[in-house]
Amino acid sequence: MLTHQREQAIVDRVRTAGSVTVEELSAPFDVSGTTIRRDLARLELAGGVRRVHGGATLTEAQHDELADLDADAAEKRVIAAATADLVRDGDVVLLDIGHTTLAIARHLRDRPVTIVTNNLWILRVLGDDPVCTLILLGGAVGSKPGTVSGPLTEQMLALIHADVAVISSGGVRPDGSVVTDLNQEATIKHRMCRAADRTILVATSLKFPGEGAFQIASLHDFDTVVTTPGSGTATLEGAAGYGTQVVIAG
């Protein structure tokens, strides 16, 4: 395989997986780690990937491009705007991982709030904001690009007292179970909810029922659900019966 062919294949893998390690690339291409590092250096200069310790991940532009390709991308933007309106100036806000919470962060630029998050993409959105205070949770880089999780993340969350936590999920079952696809994510999301006075679930219509095997909470455990028209009506009515506020954005 020629160099330019290998480099294109590397870019394709990063776009598919979100992030790759040097070891994951050197074996299938039958080249040394040194060769892969040189490839990644050239690709970063060309804007094809972003180098990180031990490998590479998506550039910010690629991440945004993939987010825009989501079938529910327009719904996520509408939900983000509506959710940002529920945040009060001076609030300490826990923002979960995901494209919707990243969009919420954009709406919170130049506002006097404190954002606490394990979503590393938010650093690029708010890292240079002179008004908003950004606190990144520590931990191990997660299996999903731009995330951290693990015991250290949980320990830091135990030190946080937030005004509001904004949580995303993999899906909402007809019985009201809010689920995600990774056990470690479910633990972090649950701890975020416990660390906040108010909790907001953000979920597009495609999240009803969505997918995921690990339960975060029940829908009625959230103070507010922000969603879009076409979401599970009976499920939302059940939560509203418990006192959950349902906000239909759009």
Protein backbone atom coordinates (compact mmCIF):
# COMPACT_ATOMS: atom_id res chain seq x y z
CA MET A 1 0.00 0.00 0.00
CA LEU A 2 1.32 3.42 -0.95
CA THR A 3 1.69 6.15 1.66
CA HIS A 4 -1.18 8.28 0.36
CA GLN A 5 -3.45 5.21 0.27
CA ARG A 6 -2.57 4.34 3.86
CA GLU A 7 -3.17 7.89 5.02
CA GLN A 8 -6.60 7.99 3.36
CA ALA A 9 -7.42 4.70 5.04
CA ILE A 10 -6.37 6.18 8.39
CA VAL A 11 -8.67 9.17 7.90
CA ASP A 12 -11.53 6.82 6.99
CA ARG A 13 -10.94 4.80 10.19
CA VAL A 14 -10.91 7.91 12.37
CA ARG A 15 -14.16 9.15 10.81
CA THR A 16 -15.77 5.75 11.41
CA ALA A 17 -14.50 5.08 14.94
CA GLY A 18 -14.08 8.66 16.17
CA SER A 19 -10.61 7.91 17.51
CA VAL A 20 -7.84 5.36 16.96
CA THR A 21 -4.57 4.43 18.64
CA VAL A 22 -1.19 3.98 17.00
CA GLU A 23 -1.30 0.27 17.87
CA GLU A 24 -4.71 -0.13 16.23
CA LEU A 25 -3.28 1.32 13.02
CA SER A 26 0.18 -0.22 12.83
CA ALA A 27 -0.93 -3.87 12.88
CA PRO A 28 -3.47 -3.89 10.01
CA PHE A 29 -1.22 -1.75 7.82
CA ASP A 30 1.84 -3.85 8.72
CA VAL A 31 4.00 -0.82 9.47
CA SER A 32 5.81 0.40 12.58
CA GLY A 33 4.40 2.75 15.16
CA THR A 34 7.00 5.31 14.04
CA THR A 35 5.61 5.22 10.51
CA ILE A 36 2.05 5.68 11.77
CA ARG A 37 3.12 8.65 13.91
CA ARG A 38 4.68 10.27 10.85
CA ASP A 39 1.46 9.64 8.93
CA LEU A 40 -0.58 11.24 11.71
CA ALA A 41 1.73 14.25 11.82
CA ARG A 42 1.25 14.84 8.09
CA LEU A 43 -2.49 14.29 8.34
CA GLU A 44 -2.81 16.77 11.20
CA LEU A 45 -1.00 19.42 9.16
CA ALA A 46 -3.42 18.74 6.32
CA GLY A 47 -6.42 18.99 8.66
CA GLY A 48 -7.36 15.33 8.26
CA VAL A 49 -7.09 14.31 11.92
CA ARG A 50 -6.22 15.73 15.32
CA ARG A 51 -3.31 14.05 17.06
CA VAL A 52 -3.68 13.07 20.70
CA HIS A 53 -1.40 11.13 23.00
CA GLY A 54 -1.09 7.62 21.57
CA GLY A 55 -3.21 8.14 18.49
CA ALA A 56 -5.61 10.46 16.71
CA THR A 57 -9.19 11.66 16.86
CA LEU A 58 -11.62 13.73 14.81
CA THR A 59 -10.94 17.37 14.16
CA GLU A 60 -13.55 19.79 15.48
CA ALA A 61 -14.81 20.40 11.94
CA GLN A 62 -15.23 16.67 11.34
CA HIS A 63 -17.06 16.24 14.64
CA ASP A 64 -19.48 19.03 13.74
CA GLU A 65 -19.90 17.61 10.25
CA LEU A 66 -20.81 14.18 11.63
CA ALA A 67 -23.21 15.76 14.12
CA ASP A 68 -24.96 17.56 11.25
CA LEU A 69 -25.40 14.22 9.48
CA ASP A 70 -27.43 12.79 12.36
CA ALA A 71 -31.00 12.05 11.31
CA ASP A 72 -32.22 14.15 14.25
CA ALA A 73 -29.63 16.95 13.98
CA ALA A 74 -32.28 19.66 13.48
CA GLU A 75 -34.21 18.42 16.53
CA LYS A 76 -31.05 18.53 18.63
CA ARG A 77 -30.47 22.18 17.72
CA VAL A 78 -34.04 23.12 18.65
CA ILE A 79 -33.81 21.22 21.94
CA ALA A 80 -30.48 22.90 22.72
CA ALA A 81 -31.95 26.38 22.34
CA ALA A 82 -34.95 25.54 24.52
CA THR A 83 -32.79 23.94 27.21
CA ALA A 84 -30.40 26.89 27.37
CA ASP A 85 -33.41 29.09 28.12
CA LEU A 86 -34.04 26.99 31.25
CA VAL A 87 -30.58 27.81 32.62
CA ARG A 88 -30.42 30.86 34.86
CA ASP A 89 -27.50 33.27 35.06
CA GLY A 90 -25.27 32.26 37.95
CA ASP A 91 -26.20 28.57 37.69
CA VAL A 92 -23.68 25.77 38.06
CA VAL A 93 -24.56 23.42 35.20
CA LEU A 94 -23.52 19.80 34.78
CA LEU A 95 -23.44 19.02 31.05
CA ASP A 96 -23.39 15.39 29.95
CA ILE A 97 -21.70 13.99 26.83
CA GLY A 98 -23.37 14.08 23.41
CA HIS A 99 -24.10 16.30 20.44
CA THR A 100 -27.14 17.91 22.07
CA THR A 101 -25.24 19.02 25.16
CA LEU A 102 -22.45 20.35 22.94
CA ALA A 103 -25.05 22.46 21.13
CA ILE A 104 -26.36 23.66 24.51
CA ALA A 105 -22.84 24.76 25.42
CA ARG A 106 -22.76 26.96 22.32
CA HIS A 107 -25.95 28.68 23.49
CA LEU A 108 -24.37 29.30 26.90
CA ARG A 109 -21.38 31.21 25.53
CA ASP A 110 -20.99 34.71 26.99
CA ARG A 111 -23.33 33.92 29.87
CA PRO A 112 -22.31 34.12 33.57
CA VAL A 113 -22.69 30.43 34.33
CA THR A 114 -20.32 27.67 35.48
CA ILE A 115 -20.21 24.57 33.28
CA VAL A 116 -18.96 21.27 34.72
CA THR A 117 -18.59 18.51 32.15
CA ASN A 118 -16.93 15.30 31.03
CA ASN A 119 -17.54 16.29 27.41
CA LEU A 120 -14.12 17.28 26.05
CA TRP A 121 -15.62 18.80 22.91
CA ILE A 122 -17.10 21.54 25.10
CA LEU A 123 -13.57 22.74 25.86
CA ARG A 124 -13.30 23.88 22.24
CA VAL A 125 -16.58 25.75 22.50
CA LEU A 126 -16.12 27.46 25.86
CA GLY A 127 -12.39 27.27 26.56
CA ASP A 128 -11.81 30.88 25.44
CA ASP A 129 -15.07 32.31 26.83
CA PRO A 130 -14.19 35.21 29.19
CA VAL A 131 -17.62 35.16 30.87
CA CYS A 132 -18.51 31.50 31.32
CA THR A 133 -16.47 29.40 33.79
CA LEU A 134 -15.59 25.92 32.51
CA ILE A 135 -14.62 23.01 34.77
CA LEU A 136 -13.53 19.75 33.12
CA LEU A 137 -13.99 16.53 35.06
CA GLY A 138 -10.97 14.25 35.16
CA GLY A 139 -10.91 10.58 34.33
CA ALA A 140 -9.92 8.06 31.70
CA VAL A 141 -10.63 8.88 28.07
CA GLY A 142 -13.83 7.02 27.28
CA SER A 143 -14.64 4.58 24.52
CA LYS A 144 -16.63 7.35 22.82
CA PRO A 145 -14.56 10.21 21.33
CA GLY A 146 -14.21 13.32 23.42
CA THR A 147 -15.42 11.83 26.71
CA VAL A 148 -13.92 10.92 30.08
CA SER A 149 -15.31 8.47 32.61
CA GLY A 150 -14.26 6.03 35.30
CA PRO A 151 -13.62 6.10 39.06
CA LEU A 152 -11.81 9.46 39.01
CA THR A 153 -14.75 11.09 37.22
CA GLU A 154 -17.09 9.65 39.84
CA GLN A 155 -14.88 10.92 42.68
CA MET A 156 -14.87 14.45 41.24
CA LEU A 157 -18.65 14.39 40.81
CA ALA A 158 -18.94 13.59 44.52
CA LEU A 159 -17.36 17.01 45.19
CA ILE A 160 -19.78 18.91 42.94
CA HIS A 161 -23.06 20.55 43.95
CA ALA A 162 -24.74 21.87 40.81
CA ASP A 163 -27.93 23.83 40.30
CA VAL A 164 -28.91 21.80 37.26
CA ALA A 165 -27.75 18.68 35.41
CA VAL A 166 -28.52 18.25 31.71
CA ILE A 167 -28.48 14.59 30.73
CA SER A 168 -28.63 12.83 27.36
CA SER A 169 -29.47 9.18 26.80
CA GLY A 170 -29.58 6.37 24.30
CA GLY A 171 -33.31 5.98 24.60
CA VAL A 172 -36.51 6.16 26.63
CA ARG A 173 -38.46 2.91 26.89
CA PRO A 174 -42.27 2.86 26.80
CA ASP A 175 -42.25 2.07 30.54
CA GLY A 176 -40.25 5.26 31.17
CA SER A 177 -36.83 3.67 31.66
CA VAL A 178 -34.10 6.04 30.49
CA VAL A 179 -31.24 3.96 29.12
CA THR A 180 -27.78 4.18 27.56
CA ASP A 181 -25.55 1.70 25.78
CA LEU A 182 -22.59 1.62 28.19
CA ASN A 183 -22.69 0.71 31.89
CA GLN A 184 -19.93 3.18 32.75
CA GLU A 185 -21.89 5.98 31.10
CA ALA A 186 -25.01 5.04 33.04
CA THR A 187 -23.08 5.37 36.30
CA ILE A 188 -21.71 8.81 35.43
CA LYS A 189 -25.10 10.10 34.29
CA HIS A 190 -26.74 8.80 37.47
CA ARG A 191 -24.12 10.52 39.62
CA MET A 192 -24.60 13.76 37.71
CA CYS A 193 -28.29 13.64 38.54
CA ARG A 194 -27.53 13.07 42.23
CA ALA A 195 -25.13 16.04 42.25
CA ALA A 196 -27.72 18.58 41.04
CA ASP A 197 -30.76 20.29 42.54
CA ARG A 198 -32.62 20.12 39.20
CA THR A 199 -32.35 17.56 36.42
CA ILE A 200 -33.18 17.97 32.74
CA LEU A 201 -33.33 15.12 30.22
CA VAL A 202 -32.81 16.10 26.58
CA ALA A 203 -34.14 13.60 24.02
CA THR A 204 -35.18 13.86 20.38
CA SER A 205 -38.14 11.93 19.02
CA LEU A 206 -35.76 9.20 17.78
CA LYS A 207 -34.88 8.43 21.41
CA PHE A 208 -38.40 7.06 21.91
CA PRO A 209 -37.66 4.18 22.33
CA GLY A 210 -34.04 4.53 21.14
CA GLU A 211 -31.59 1.90 22.34
CA GLY A 212 -29.48 0.92 25.33
CA ALA A 213 -29.25 -1.87 27.87
CA PHE A 214 -28.25 0.08 30.98
CA GLN A 215 -30.75 2.15 32.95
CA ILE A 216 -29.85 5.66 34.08
CA ALA A 217 -33.13 6.49 35.83
CA SER A 218 -36.86 6.59 35.22
CA LEU A 219 -38.34 9.41 33.20
CA HIS A 220 -40.33 10.65 36.18
CA ASP A 221 -37.08 11.01 38.17
CA PHE A 222 -36.26 14.06 36.03
CA ASP A 223 -37.65 17.47 36.87
CA THR A 224 -37.89 18.42 33.19
CA VAL A 225 -37.81 16.63 29.84
CA VAL A 226 -37.06 18.68 26.74
CA THR A 227 -38.03 16.92 23.54
CA THR A 228 -39.66 17.50 20.15
CA PRO A 229 -43.05 16.80 18.55
CA GLY A 230 -43.57 13.15 17.71
CA SER A 231 -41.97 11.77 20.86
CA GLY A 232 -43.65 9.00 22.85
CA THR A 233 -46.87 10.70 23.92
CA ALA A 234 -48.07 8.04 26.36
CA THR A 235 -44.62 7.79 27.95
CA LEU A 236 -44.41 11.57 28.40
CA GLU A 237 -47.95 11.75 29.78
CA GLY A 238 -47.03 9.12 32.33
CA ALA A 239 -44.04 11.17 33.47
CA ALA A 240 -46.12 14.35 33.60
CA GLY A 241 -48.50 12.51 35.93
CA TYR A 242 -45.64 12.23 38.41
CA GLY A 243 -44.96 15.96 38.16
CA THR A 244 -42.24 16.02 35.49
CA GLN A 245 -42.34 19.13 33.35
CA VAL A 246 -42.48 18.27 29.63
CA VAL A 247 -41.16 20.93 27.24
CA ILE A 248 -41.90 20.38 23.55
CA ALA A 249 -39.35 22.41 21.59
CA GLY A 250 -39.85 23.54 18.03
